[in-house]
């Protein structure tokens, strides 16, 4: 019975992802883009949950690792012959190197993970508001570096000529891999120790748990997974540096908070729910016929709606839609089995 309950914690989030993919396969190609976007958001938010959910430390800087994943996968997968026209100032080894889709995703993950570990060495000694502000500073530094240092990418220009290989199947597989990694971590000894530091730091220290070390490992793993998500994203749609900055930081944190910060299921539910809502309101901004009436919302309504829902969730249900809990099978009493 215990094994079944444990399996359900993994299988239910995975089933939600598979159901989303199947639904996306049934819609028109025009609407399929929304489902692929939702699945990439699942990878991103679950990666964020690995650190924030298990440690209890809020990070505003994780999109930095997503961004360097985007840059690594994007720059390295553009055909060598097209780089001089779009990125004339690239370092020589970047301009003369081109890799395929899967290697670019692995490199994006590795770059995100290494960057997170380097950043985490000093920052993981901080807690509370200081840690959040410090990670936000990292986000600003990273954004300005990618924006103006054209030796590592296109700068302010949109990434072009990146092979668009992230289809519904690859986005689904990517989300399932990230969910499996997050589940394996949270069930591991390291994950349990990190959650212990979240619940009672003093007691965790008393039994020999290093809060700094546990946070650092989780920060690095989270950076690895979110860098991978960044690789999926750049292979899906052409973007520029502004697409991986404040708006994406807000929407991913909102997804985690609305779904339930302290559970893997909450991360998946929040990503799918808010992504669907965001896409629906976005359609209304462009003009949408609903029940015979044309609805044309002003630009920016998407952020207003998501922000309002996040505020309501924090007031009425602080644990999020899932209550911050994993899916649990009903307990069977011994009397019922005899």
C-alpha atoms as a PDB file:
ATOM      1  CA  UNK A   1       0.000   0.000   0.000  1.00  0.00           C
ATOM      2  CA  UNK A   2       2.831   2.387   0.814  1.00  0.00           C
ATOM      3  CA  UNK A   3       4.371   1.737  -2.618  1.00  0.00           C
ATOM      4  CA  UNK A   4       1.052   2.547  -4.304  1.00  0.00           C
ATOM      5  CA  UNK A   5       0.724   5.796  -2.367  1.00  0.00           C
ATOM      6  CA  UNK A   6       4.270   6.770  -3.326  1.00  0.00           C
ATOM      7  CA  UNK A   7       3.675   5.900  -6.983  1.00  0.00           C
ATOM      8  CA  UNK A   8       0.520   8.026  -7.020  1.00  0.00           C
ATOM      9  CA  UNK A   9       2.548  11.111  -6.057  1.00  0.00           C
ATOM     10  CA  UNK A  10       4.466  10.726  -9.313  1.00  0.00           C
ATOM     11  CA  UNK A  11       1.821   9.263 -11.597  1.00  0.00           C
ATOM     12  CA  UNK A  12      -0.885  11.878 -11.004  1.00  0.00           C
ATOM     13  CA  UNK A  13       1.277  14.878 -12.067  1.00  0.00           C
ATOM     14  CA  UNK A  14       2.582  12.808 -14.981  1.00  0.00           C
ATOM     15  CA  UNK A  15      -0.985  11.898 -15.968  1.00  0.00           C
ATOM     16  CA  UNK A  16      -1.954  15.579 -16.027  1.00  0.00           C
ATOM     17  CA  UNK A  17       0.918  16.258 -18.425  1.00  0.00           C
ATOM     18  CA  UNK A  18      -0.010  13.333 -20.673  1.00  0.00           C
ATOM     19  CA  UNK A  19      -3.688  14.393 -20.668  1.00  0.00           C
ATOM     20  CA  UNK A  20      -2.655  17.918 -21.682  1.00  0.00           C
ATOM     21  CA  UNK A  21      -0.563  16.521 -24.519  1.00  0.00           C
ATOM     22  CA  UNK A  22      -3.388  14.287 -25.747  1.00  0.00           C
ATOM     23  CA  UNK A  23      -5.786  17.206 -25.694  1.00  0.00           C
ATOM     24  CA  UNK A  24      -3.256  19.286 -27.593  1.00  0.00           C
ATOM     25  CA  UNK A  25      -2.998  16.576 -30.243  1.00  0.00           C
ATOM     26  CA  UNK A  26      -6.745  16.800 -30.856  1.00  0.00           C
ATOM     27  CA  UNK A  27      -6.951  20.547 -31.454  1.00  0.00           C
ATOM     28  CA  UNK A  28      -5.999  22.466 -34.564  1.00  0.00           C
ATOM     29  CA  UNK A  29      -2.384  23.265 -35.309  1.00  0.00           C
ATOM     30  CA  UNK A  30      -3.146  26.927 -34.593  1.00  0.00           C
ATOM     31  CA  UNK A  31      -4.201  26.154 -31.019  1.00  0.00           C
ATOM     32  CA  UNK A  32      -1.514  23.521 -30.435  1.00  0.00           C
ATOM     33  CA  UNK A  33       0.918  26.310 -29.586  1.00  0.00           C
ATOM     34  CA  UNK A  34      -0.945  26.956 -26.323  1.00  0.00           C
ATOM     35  CA  UNK A  35      -0.530  23.362 -25.181  1.00  0.00           C
ATOM     36  CA  UNK A  36       3.170  23.282 -26.015  1.00  0.00           C
ATOM     37  CA  UNK A  37       3.620  26.540 -24.101  1.00  0.00           C
ATOM     38  CA  UNK A  38       1.784  25.056 -21.114  1.00  0.00           C
ATOM     39  CA  UNK A  39       4.036  21.992 -21.101  1.00  0.00           C
ATOM     40  CA  UNK A  40       7.178  24.126 -21.224  1.00  0.00           C
ATOM     41  CA  UNK A  41       5.769  26.111 -18.301  1.00  0.00           C
ATOM     42  CA  UNK A  42       5.321  22.834 -16.424  1.00  0.00           C
ATOM     43  CA  UNK A  43       9.035  22.086 -16.846  1.00  0.00           C
ATOM     44  CA  UNK A  44       9.923  25.611 -15.730  1.00  0.00           C
ATOM     45  CA  UNK A  45       7.673  25.755 -12.661  1.00  0.00           C
ATOM     46  CA  UNK A  46       8.564  22.235 -11.493  1.00  0.00           C
ATOM     47  CA  UNK A  47      12.245  23.192 -11.753  1.00  0.00           C
ATOM     48  CA  UNK A  48      11.500  26.288  -9.650  1.00  0.00           C
ATOM     49  CA  UNK A  49       9.642  24.112  -7.127  1.00  0.00           C
ATOM     50  CA  UNK A  50      12.707  21.904  -6.625  1.00  0.00           C
ATOM     51  CA  UNK A  51      14.400  24.748  -4.791  1.00  0.00           C
ATOM     52  CA  UNK A  52      11.641  27.080  -3.591  1.00  0.00           C
ATOM     53  CA  UNK A  53       9.179  24.387  -2.560  1.00  0.00           C
ATOM     54  CA  UNK A  54      11.665  22.192  -0.733  1.00  0.00           C
ATOM     55  CA  UNK A  55      13.740  24.937   0.899  1.00  0.00           C
ATOM     56  CA  UNK A  56      11.072  27.524   1.662  1.00  0.00           C
ATOM     57  CA  UNK A  57      13.396  30.238   0.321  1.00  0.00           C
ATOM     58  CA  UNK A  58      11.795  32.447  -2.321  1.00  0.00           C
ATOM     59  CA  UNK A  59      13.951  33.011  -5.407  1.00  0.00           C
ATOM     60  CA  UNK A  60      13.330  35.844  -7.860  1.00  0.00           C
ATOM     61  CA  UNK A  61      16.402  34.952  -9.909  1.00  0.00           C
ATOM     62  CA  UNK A  62      15.695  31.520 -11.358  1.00  0.00           C
ATOM     63  CA  UNK A  63      14.784  32.961 -14.742  1.00  0.00           C
ATOM     64  CA  UNK A  64      18.499  33.884 -14.933  1.00  0.00           C
ATOM     65  CA  UNK A  65      19.269  30.176 -15.304  1.00  0.00           C
ATOM     66  CA  UNK A  66      16.405  29.793 -17.762  1.00  0.00           C
ATOM     67  CA  UNK A  67      17.867  32.694 -19.783  1.00  0.00           C
ATOM     68  CA  UNK A  68      21.390  31.268 -19.952  1.00  0.00           C
ATOM     69  CA  UNK A  69      19.837  27.967 -21.034  1.00  0.00           C
ATOM     70  CA  UNK A  70      18.029  29.834 -23.809  1.00  0.00           C
ATOM     71  CA  UNK A  71      21.264  31.539 -24.873  1.00  0.00           C
ATOM     72  CA  UNK A  72      23.374  28.372 -24.771  1.00  0.00           C
ATOM     73  CA  UNK A  73      20.915  26.240 -26.751  1.00  0.00           C
ATOM     74  CA  UNK A  74      20.071  29.056 -29.155  1.00  0.00           C
ATOM     75  CA  UNK A  75      23.594  30.169 -30.016  1.00  0.00           C
ATOM     76  CA  UNK A  76      24.983  26.665 -30.363  1.00  0.00           C
ATOM     77  CA  UNK A  77      22.155  25.273 -32.501  1.00  0.00           C
ATOM     78  CA  UNK A  78      22.070  28.049 -35.109  1.00  0.00           C
ATOM     79  CA  UNK A  79      23.805  26.863 -38.326  1.00  0.00           C
ATOM     80  CA  UNK A  80      27.392  28.066 -38.497  1.00  0.00           C
ATOM     81  CA  UNK A  81      26.855  29.689 -41.898  1.00  0.00           C
ATOM     82  CA  UNK A  82      24.099  31.958 -40.540  1.00  0.00           C
ATOM     83  CA  UNK A  83      25.821  33.191 -37.382  1.00  0.00           C
ATOM     84  CA  UNK A  84      27.974  35.971 -38.944  1.00  0.00           C
ATOM     85  CA  UNK A  85      24.870  37.723 -40.323  1.00  0.00           C
ATOM     86  CA  UNK A  86      22.883  37.678 -37.070  1.00  0.00           C
ATOM     87  CA  UNK A  87      25.647  37.595 -34.442  1.00  0.00           C
ATOM     88  CA  UNK A  88      28.793  39.127 -35.967  1.00  0.00           C
ATOM     89  CA  UNK A  89      30.578  39.700 -32.637  1.00  0.00           C
ATOM     90  CA  UNK A  90      30.413  36.166 -31.259  1.00  0.00           C
ATOM     91  CA  UNK A  91      33.459  34.585 -29.702  1.00  0.00           C
ATOM     92  CA  UNK A  92      35.244  32.419 -32.239  1.00  0.00           C
ATOM     93  CA  UNK A  93      34.483  29.099 -30.569  1.00  0.00           C
ATOM     94  CA  UNK A  94      30.767  29.963 -30.479  1.00  0.00           C
ATOM     95  CA  UNK A  95      30.616  31.177 -34.069  1.00  0.00           C
ATOM     96  CA  UNK A  96      32.388  28.053 -35.349  1.00  0.00           C
ATOM     97  CA  UNK A  97      30.386  25.502 -33.346  1.00  0.00           C
ATOM     98  CA  UNK A  98      26.969  24.056 -34.157  1.00  0.00           C
ATOM     99  CA  UNK A  99      25.292  21.185 -32.316  1.00  0.00           C
ATOM    100  CA  UNK A 100      22.061  19.252 -32.762  1.00  0.00           C
ATOM    101  CA  UNK A 101      18.834  19.494 -30.831  1.00  0.00           C
ATOM    102  CA  UNK A 102      19.462  16.996 -28.011  1.00  0.00           C
ATOM    103  CA  UNK A 103      23.084  18.106 -27.355  1.00  0.00           C
ATOM    104  CA  UNK A 104      21.903  21.725 -27.219  1.00  0.00           C
ATOM    105  CA  UNK A 105      19.309  20.828 -24.559  1.00  0.00           C
ATOM    106  CA  UNK A 106      21.919  19.005 -22.491  1.00  0.00           C
ATOM    107  CA  UNK A 107      24.333  21.917 -22.799  1.00  0.00           C
ATOM    108  CA  UNK A 108      21.559  24.347 -21.799  1.00  0.00           C
ATOM    109  CA  UNK A 109      20.875  22.245 -18.694  1.00  0.00           C
ATOM    110  CA  UNK A 110      24.575  22.022 -17.828  1.00  0.00           C
ATOM    111  CA  UNK A 111      25.132  25.758 -18.248  1.00  0.00           C
ATOM    112  CA  UNK A 112      22.085  26.530 -16.098  1.00  0.00           C
ATOM    113  CA  UNK A 113      23.230  24.115 -13.397  1.00  0.00           C
ATOM    114  CA  UNK A 114      26.830  25.352 -13.283  1.00  0.00           C
ATOM    115  CA  UNK A 115      25.707  28.984 -13.229  1.00  0.00           C
ATOM    116  CA  UNK A 116      23.304  28.214 -10.363  1.00  0.00           C
ATOM    117  CA  UNK A 117      26.048  26.505  -8.363  1.00  0.00           C
ATOM    118  CA  UNK A 118      28.450  29.406  -8.868  1.00  0.00           C
ATOM    119  CA  UNK A 119      25.795  31.947  -7.892  1.00  0.00           C
ATOM    120  CA  UNK A 120      24.659  29.784  -4.998  1.00  0.00           C
ATOM    121  CA  UNK A 121      28.070  29.566  -3.356  1.00  0.00           C
ATOM    122  CA  UNK A 122      27.689  32.998  -1.712  1.00  0.00           C
ATOM    123  CA  UNK A 123      23.901  33.406  -1.868  1.00  0.00           C
ATOM    124  CA  UNK A 124      22.862  30.188  -0.136  1.00  0.00           C
ATOM    125  CA  UNK A 125      24.278  31.561   3.109  1.00  0.00           C
ATOM    126  CA  UNK A 126      21.391  34.041   3.096  1.00  0.00           C
ATOM    127  CA  UNK A 127      17.821  33.450   4.191  1.00  0.00           C
ATOM    128  CA  UNK A 128      14.457  35.160   4.007  1.00  0.00           C
ATOM    129  CA  UNK A 129      14.138  38.566   2.372  1.00  0.00           C
ATOM    130  CA  UNK A 130      17.910  38.942   1.941  1.00  0.00           C
ATOM    131  CA  UNK A 131      18.062  35.785  -0.171  1.00  0.00           C
ATOM    132  CA  UNK A 132      15.144  36.898  -2.345  1.00  0.00           C
ATOM    133  CA  UNK A 133      16.653  40.341  -2.982  1.00  0.00           C
ATOM    134  CA  UNK A 134      20.061  38.840  -3.761  1.00  0.00           C
ATOM    135  CA  UNK A 135      18.586  36.438  -6.341  1.00  0.00           C
ATOM    136  CA  UNK A 136      16.690  39.354  -7.877  1.00  0.00           C
ATOM    137  CA  UNK A 137      20.011  41.170  -8.230  1.00  0.00           C
ATOM    138  CA  UNK A 138      21.366  38.153 -10.115  1.00  0.00           C
ATOM    139  CA  UNK A 139      18.399  38.385 -12.485  1.00  0.00           C
ATOM    140  CA  UNK A 140      19.169  42.019 -13.252  1.00  0.00           C
ATOM    141  CA  UNK A 141      22.872  41.360 -13.785  1.00  0.00           C
ATOM    142  CA  UNK A 142      22.190  38.408 -16.079  1.00  0.00           C
ATOM    143  CA  UNK A 143      19.637  40.320 -18.135  1.00  0.00           C
ATOM    144  CA  UNK A 144      21.974  43.256 -18.721  1.00  0.00           C
ATOM    145  CA  UNK A 145      24.889  40.957 -19.547  1.00  0.00           C
ATOM    146  CA  UNK A 146      22.884  39.089 -22.195  1.00  0.00           C
ATOM    147  CA  UNK A 147      21.346  42.323 -23.440  1.00  0.00           C
ATOM    148  CA  UNK A 148      24.563  44.216 -24.140  1.00  0.00           C
ATOM    149  CA  UNK A 149      27.406  41.690 -24.349  1.00  0.00           C
ATOM    150  CA  UNK A 150      27.128  40.558 -27.962  1.00  0.00           C
ATOM    151  CA  UNK A 151      30.062  38.161 -27.782  1.00  0.00           C
ATOM    152  CA  UNK A 152      27.702  35.545 -26.310  1.00  0.00           C
ATOM    153  CA  UNK A 153      24.541  36.115 -28.349  1.00  0.00           C
ATOM    154  CA  UNK A 154      22.340  38.436 -30.390  1.00  0.00           C
ATOM    155  CA  UNK A 155      22.043  41.098 -27.705  1.00  0.00           C
ATOM    156  CA  UNK A 156      18.799  43.042 -28.119  1.00  0.00           C
ATOM    157  CA  UNK A 157      17.888  41.295 -31.357  1.00  0.00           C
ATOM    158  CA  UNK A 158      15.473  38.391 -31.631  1.00  0.00           C
ATOM    159  CA  UNK A 159      17.020  34.945 -31.872  1.00  0.00           C
ATOM    160  CA  UNK A 160      16.568  33.832 -35.461  1.00  0.00           C
ATOM    161  CA  UNK A 161      17.419  30.680 -37.385  1.00  0.00           C
ATOM    162  CA  UNK A 162      17.146  28.478 -34.285  1.00  0.00           C
ATOM    163  CA  UNK A 163      15.705  25.105 -35.392  1.00  0.00           C
ATOM    164  CA  UNK A 164      12.118  24.882 -34.102  1.00  0.00           C
ATOM    165  CA  UNK A 165      12.270  21.311 -32.836  1.00  0.00           C
ATOM    166  CA  UNK A 166      10.189  21.558 -29.653  1.00  0.00           C
ATOM    167  CA  UNK A 167       6.918  20.034 -30.770  1.00  0.00           C
ATOM    168  CA  UNK A 168       4.147  18.567 -28.641  1.00  0.00           C
ATOM    169  CA  UNK A 169       5.986  15.262 -28.197  1.00  0.00           C
ATOM    170  CA  UNK A 170       9.304  16.786 -27.146  1.00  0.00           C
ATOM    171  CA  UNK A 171       7.625  19.247 -24.782  1.00  0.00           C
ATOM    172  CA  UNK A 172       5.733  16.351 -23.176  1.00  0.00           C
ATOM    173  CA  UNK A 173       8.831  14.195 -22.787  1.00  0.00           C
ATOM    174  CA  UNK A 174      10.743  17.165 -21.383  1.00  0.00           C
ATOM    175  CA  UNK A 175       8.025  17.891 -18.803  1.00  0.00           C
ATOM    176  CA  UNK A 176       7.878  14.234 -17.758  1.00  0.00           C
ATOM    177  CA  UNK A 177      11.662  14.086 -17.330  1.00  0.00           C
ATOM    178  CA  UNK A 178      11.684  17.202 -15.157  1.00  0.00           C
ATOM    179  CA  UNK A 179       8.790  15.865 -13.049  1.00  0.00           C
ATOM    180  CA  UNK A 180      10.596  12.537 -12.594  1.00  0.00           C
ATOM    181  CA  UNK A 181      13.793  14.322 -11.529  1.00  0.00           C
ATOM    182  CA  UNK A 182      11.903  16.537  -9.061  1.00  0.00           C
ATOM    183  CA  UNK A 183      10.086  13.516  -7.616  1.00  0.00           C
ATOM    184  CA  UNK A 184      13.302  11.516  -7.261  1.00  0.00           C
ATOM    185  CA  UNK A 185      14.956  14.438  -5.488  1.00  0.00           C
ATOM    186  CA  UNK A 186      12.137  15.088  -3.043  1.00  0.00           C
ATOM    187  CA  UNK A 187      11.993  11.397  -2.115  1.00  0.00           C
ATOM    188  CA  UNK A 188      15.765  11.204  -1.674  1.00  0.00           C
ATOM    189  CA  UNK A 189      17.698  11.679   1.543  1.00  0.00           C
ATOM    190  CA  UNK A 190      18.886  15.084   0.329  1.00  0.00           C
ATOM    191  CA  UNK A 191      15.350  16.222  -0.383  1.00  0.00           C
ATOM    192  CA  UNK A 192      14.086  15.099   3.018  1.00  0.00           C
ATOM    193  CA  UNK A 193      16.936  16.890   4.744  1.00  0.00           C
ATOM    194  CA  UNK A 194      16.226  20.110   2.858  1.00  0.00           C
ATOM    195  CA  UNK A 195      12.538  19.977   3.793  1.00  0.00           C
ATOM    196  CA  UNK A 196      13.597  19.442   7.390  1.00  0.00           C
ATOM    197  CA  UNK A 197      15.552  22.708   7.241  1.00  0.00           C
ATOM    198  CA  UNK A 198      12.417  24.385   5.890  1.00  0.00           C
ATOM    199  CA  UNK A 199      10.194  23.120   8.700  1.00  0.00           C
ATOM    200  CA  UNK A 200      12.579  23.561  11.647  1.00  0.00           C
ATOM    201  CA  UNK A 201      16.055  24.954  10.910  1.00  0.00           C
ATOM    202  CA  UNK A 202      17.223  24.705  14.518  1.00  0.00           C
ATOM    203  CA  UNK A 203      16.235  21.050  14.849  1.00  0.00           C
ATOM    204  CA  UNK A 204      17.845  20.250  11.468  1.00  0.00           C
ATOM    205  CA  UNK A 205      21.124  21.804  12.605  1.00  0.00           C
ATOM    206  CA  UNK A 206      20.922  19.886  15.877  1.00  0.00           C
ATOM    207  CA  UNK A 207      20.926  16.539  14.065  1.00  0.00           C
ATOM    208  CA  UNK A 208      23.862  17.530  11.848  1.00  0.00           C
ATOM    209  CA  UNK A 209      22.117  18.753   8.676  1.00  0.00           C
ATOM    210  CA  UNK A 210      24.022  21.508   6.848  1.00  0.00           C
ATOM    211  CA  UNK A 211      21.419  24.040   5.719  1.00  0.00           C
ATOM    212  CA  UNK A 212      23.914  25.751   3.427  1.00  0.00           C
ATOM    213  CA  UNK A 213      24.982  22.540   1.710  1.00  0.00           C
ATOM    214  CA  UNK A 214      21.440  21.244   1.206  1.00  0.00           C
ATOM    215  CA  UNK A 215      20.248  24.538  -0.237  1.00  0.00           C
ATOM    216  CA  UNK A 216      23.241  24.712  -2.555  1.00  0.00           C
ATOM    217  CA  UNK A 217      22.626  21.232  -3.994  1.00  0.00           C
ATOM    218  CA  UNK A 218      18.946  22.005  -4.545  1.00  0.00           C
ATOM    219  CA  UNK A 219      19.815  25.378  -6.113  1.00  0.00           C
ATOM    220  CA  UNK A 220      22.173  23.680  -8.557  1.00  0.00           C
ATOM    221  CA  UNK A 221      19.695  20.939  -9.482  1.00  0.00           C
ATOM    222  CA  UNK A 222      16.953  23.505  -9.920  1.00  0.00           C
ATOM    223  CA  UNK A 223      19.226  25.564 -12.183  1.00  0.00           C
ATOM    224  CA  UNK A 224      20.027  22.448 -14.226  1.00  0.00           C
ATOM    225  CA  UNK A 225      16.346  21.628 -14.773  1.00  0.00           C
ATOM    226  CA  UNK A 226      15.271  25.196 -15.534  1.00  0.00           C
ATOM    227  CA  UNK A 227      18.194  25.590 -17.963  1.00  0.00           C
ATOM    228  CA  UNK A 228      16.834  22.516 -19.755  1.00  0.00           C
ATOM    229  CA  UNK A 229      13.401  24.181 -19.880  1.00  0.00           C
ATOM    230  CA  UNK A 230      15.052  27.246 -21.408  1.00  0.00           C
ATOM    231  CA  UNK A 231      16.521  25.043 -24.124  1.00  0.00           C
ATOM    232  CA  UNK A 232      13.050  23.683 -24.895  1.00  0.00           C
ATOM    233  CA  UNK A 233      11.693  27.231 -25.083  1.00  0.00           C
ATOM    234  CA  UNK A 234      14.204  28.626 -27.574  1.00  0.00           C
ATOM    235  CA  UNK A 235      13.631  25.630 -29.837  1.00  0.00           C
ATOM    236  CA  UNK A 236       9.922  26.436 -29.782  1.00  0.00           C
ATOM    237  CA  UNK A 237       9.601  30.136 -30.555  1.00  0.00           C
ATOM    238  CA  UNK A 238      11.975  32.999 -31.501  1.00  0.00           C
ATOM    239  CA  UNK A 239      12.440  35.357 -28.541  1.00  0.00           C
ATOM    240  CA  UNK A 240      14.656  38.197 -27.381  1.00  0.00           C
ATOM    241  CA  UNK A 241      16.150  39.045 -24.004  1.00  0.00           C
ATOM    242  CA  UNK A 242      13.027  40.874 -22.785  1.00  0.00           C
ATOM    243  CA  UNK A 243      11.036  37.635 -23.009  1.00  0.00           C
ATOM    244  CA  UNK A 244      13.165  36.063 -20.270  1.00  0.00           C
ATOM    245  CA  UNK A 245      13.062  38.785 -17.680  1.00  0.00           C
ATOM    246  CA  UNK A 246      10.465  40.283 -15.322  1.00  0.00           C
ATOM    247  CA  UNK A 247       7.239  39.095 -16.981  1.00  0.00           C
ATOM    248  CA  UNK A 248       8.415  35.491 -17.071  1.00  0.00           C
ATOM    249  CA  UNK A 249       9.683  35.757 -13.495  1.00  0.00           C
ATOM    250  CA  UNK A 250       6.286  36.953 -12.317  1.00  0.00           C
ATOM    251  CA  UNK A 251       4.170  34.452 -14.239  1.00  0.00           C
ATOM    252  CA  UNK A 252       6.212  31.420 -13.150  1.00  0.00           C
ATOM    253  CA  UNK A 253       6.181  32.469  -9.490  1.00  0.00           C
ATOM    254  CA  UNK A 254       2.430  33.098  -9.775  1.00  0.00           C
ATOM    255  CA  UNK A 255       1.957  29.598 -11.169  1.00  0.00           C
ATOM    256  CA  UNK A 256       3.845  28.063  -8.262  1.00  0.00           C
ATOM    257  CA  UNK A 257       1.997  30.111  -5.635  1.00  0.00           C
ATOM    258  CA  UNK A 258      -1.447  29.496  -7.138  1.00  0.00           C
ATOM    259  CA  UNK A 259      -0.874  25.762  -7.521  1.00  0.00           C
ATOM    260  CA  UNK A 260       0.762  25.229  -4.143  1.00  0.00           C
ATOM    261  CA  UNK A 261       4.360  26.105  -3.383  1.00  0.00           C
ATOM    262  CA  UNK A 262       5.245  23.070  -1.291  1.00  0.00           C
ATOM    263  CA  UNK A 263       4.106  20.232  -3.558  1.00  0.00           C
ATOM    264  CA  UNK A 264       5.096  18.781  -6.915  1.00  0.00           C
ATOM    265  CA  UNK A 265       1.429  18.370  -7.780  1.00  0.00           C
ATOM    266  CA  UNK A 266       0.880  22.043  -6.971  1.00  0.00           C
ATOM    267  CA  UNK A 267       3.635  23.084  -9.371  1.00  0.00           C
ATOM    268  CA  UNK A 268       2.076  21.073 -12.207  1.00  0.00           C
ATOM    269  CA  UNK A 269      -1.516  22.150 -11.453  1.00  0.00           C
ATOM    270  CA  UNK A 270      -0.498  25.795 -11.124  1.00  0.00           C
ATOM    271  CA  UNK A 271       1.460  25.765 -14.388  1.00  0.00           C
ATOM    272  CA  UNK A 272      -1.393  24.184 -16.352  1.00  0.00           C
ATOM    273  CA  UNK A 273      -4.156  26.256 -14.756  1.00  0.00           C
ATOM    274  CA  UNK A 274      -2.470  29.646 -15.080  1.00  0.00           C
ATOM    275  CA  UNK A 275      -1.141  28.857 -18.564  1.00  0.00           C
ATOM    276  CA  UNK A 276      -4.651  27.984 -19.755  1.00  0.00           C
ATOM    277  CA  UNK A 277      -6.113  31.088 -18.127  1.00  0.00           C
ATOM    278  CA  UNK A 278      -3.334  33.296 -19.516  1.00  0.00           C
ATOM    279  CA  UNK A 279      -3.912  31.970 -23.044  1.00  0.00           C
ATOM    280  CA  UNK A 280      -7.691  32.435 -22.746  1.00  0.00           C
ATOM    281  CA  UNK A 281      -7.424  36.040 -21.550  1.00  0.00           C
ATOM    282  CA  UNK A 282      -4.776  36.670 -24.197  1.00  0.00           C
ATOM    283  CA  UNK A 283      -7.291  35.612 -26.851  1.00  0.00           C
ATOM    284  CA  UNK A 284      -9.765  38.073 -25.353  1.00  0.00           C
ATOM    285  CA  UNK A 285      -7.180  40.841 -25.679  1.00  0.00           C
ATOM    286  CA  UNK A 286      -7.030  40.102 -29.408  1.00  0.00           C
ATOM    287  CA  UNK A 287     -10.822  40.063 -29.699  1.00  0.00           C
ATOM    288  CA  UNK A 288     -12.875  36.943 -29.063  1.00  0.00           C
ATOM    289  CA  UNK A 289     -16.495  35.993 -29.723  1.00  0.00           C
ATOM    290  CA  UNK A 290     -18.030  34.521 -26.570  1.00  0.00           C
ATOM    291  CA  UNK A 291     -21.712  33.542 -26.351  1.00  0.00           C
ATOM    292  CA  UNK A 292     -22.471  35.657 -29.395  1.00  0.00           C
ATOM    293  CA  UNK A 293     -20.742  38.717 -27.981  1.00  0.00           C
ATOM    294  CA  UNK A 294     -17.373  40.108 -29.013  1.00  0.00           C
ATOM    295  CA  UNK A 295     -15.034  40.476 -26.049  1.00  0.00           C
ATOM    296  CA  UNK A 296     -12.082  42.798 -26.588  1.00  0.00           C
ATOM    297  CA  UNK A 297     -10.086  43.349 -23.410  1.00  0.00           C
ATOM    298  CA  UNK A 298      -7.359  46.008 -23.153  1.00  0.00           C
ATOM    299  CA  UNK A 299      -3.731  44.952 -23.377  1.00  0.00           C
ATOM    300  CA  UNK A 300      -2.293  43.941 -20.037  1.00  0.00           C
ATOM    301  CA  UNK A 301      -5.470  42.243 -18.853  1.00  0.00           C
ATOM    302  CA  UNK A 302      -3.652  38.912 -18.630  1.00  0.00           C
ATOM    303  CA  UNK A 303      -1.317  40.158 -15.896  1.00  0.00           C
ATOM    304  CA  UNK A 304      -4.192  41.863 -14.063  1.00  0.00           C
ATOM    305  CA  UNK A 305      -6.251  38.651 -14.020  1.00  0.00           C
ATOM    306  CA  UNK A 306      -3.354  36.421 -12.929  1.00  0.00           C
ATOM    307  CA  UNK A 307      -2.296  38.924 -10.260  1.00  0.00           C
ATOM    308  CA  UNK A 308      -5.831  39.118  -8.903  1.00  0.00           C
ATOM    309  CA  UNK A 309      -6.131  35.348  -8.692  1.00  0.00           C
ATOM    310  CA  UNK A 310      -2.772  35.071  -6.959  1.00  0.00           C
ATOM    311  CA  UNK A 311      -3.844  37.677  -4.396  1.00  0.00           C
ATOM    312  CA  UNK A 312      -7.117  35.838  -3.782  1.00  0.00           C
ATOM    313  CA  UNK A 313      -5.321  32.512  -3.371  1.00  0.00           C
ATOM    314  CA  UNK A 314      -2.884  34.008  -0.870  1.00  0.00           C
ATOM    315  CA  UNK A 315      -5.793  35.468   1.124  1.00  0.00           C
ATOM    316  CA  UNK A 316      -8.317  32.632   0.948  1.00  0.00           C
ATOM    317  CA  UNK A 317      -6.156  29.539   0.446  1.00  0.00           C
ATOM    318  CA  UNK A 318      -2.494  30.214   1.267  1.00  0.00           C
ATOM    319  CA  UNK A 319      -1.547  26.616   0.480  1.00  0.00           C
ATOM    320  CA  UNK A 320      -2.644  27.053  -3.147  1.00  0.00           C
ATOM    321  CA  UNK A 321      -5.172  25.056  -5.147  1.00  0.00           C
ATOM    322  CA  UNK A 322      -3.687  21.775  -3.907  1.00  0.00           C
ATOM    323  CA  UNK A 323      -3.214  22.955  -0.338  1.00  0.00           C
ATOM    324  CA  UNK A 324       0.516  22.404  -0.779  1.00  0.00           C
ATOM    325  CA  UNK A 325      -0.016  18.640  -0.601  1.00  0.00           C
ATOM    326  CA  UNK A 326       0.708  15.765  -2.949  1.00  0.00           C
ATOM    327  CA  UNK A 327      -2.034  13.498  -4.276  1.00  0.00           C
ATOM    328  CA  UNK A 328      -2.794  10.862  -1.702  1.00  0.00           C
ATOM    329  CA  UNK A 329      -4.724   7.620  -2.054  1.00  0.00           C
ATOM    330  CA  UNK A 330      -7.431   7.124   0.564  1.00  0.00           C
ATOM    331  CA  UNK A 331      -6.283   5.080   3.525  1.00  0.00           C
ATOM    332  CA  UNK A 332      -7.826   1.643   3.906  1.00  0.00           C
ATOM    333  CA  UNK A 333      -8.502   0.692   7.508  1.00  0.00           C
ATOM    334  CA  UNK A 334      -7.504  -2.727   8.740  1.00  0.00           C
ATOM    335  CA  UNK A 335     -11.115  -3.500   9.621  1.00  0.00           C
ATOM    336  CA  UNK A 336     -12.128  -2.987   5.995  1.00  0.00           C
ATOM    337  CA  UNK A 337      -9.545  -5.508   4.844  1.00  0.00           C
ATOM    338  CA  UNK A 338     -10.544  -8.243   7.283  1.00  0.00           C
END
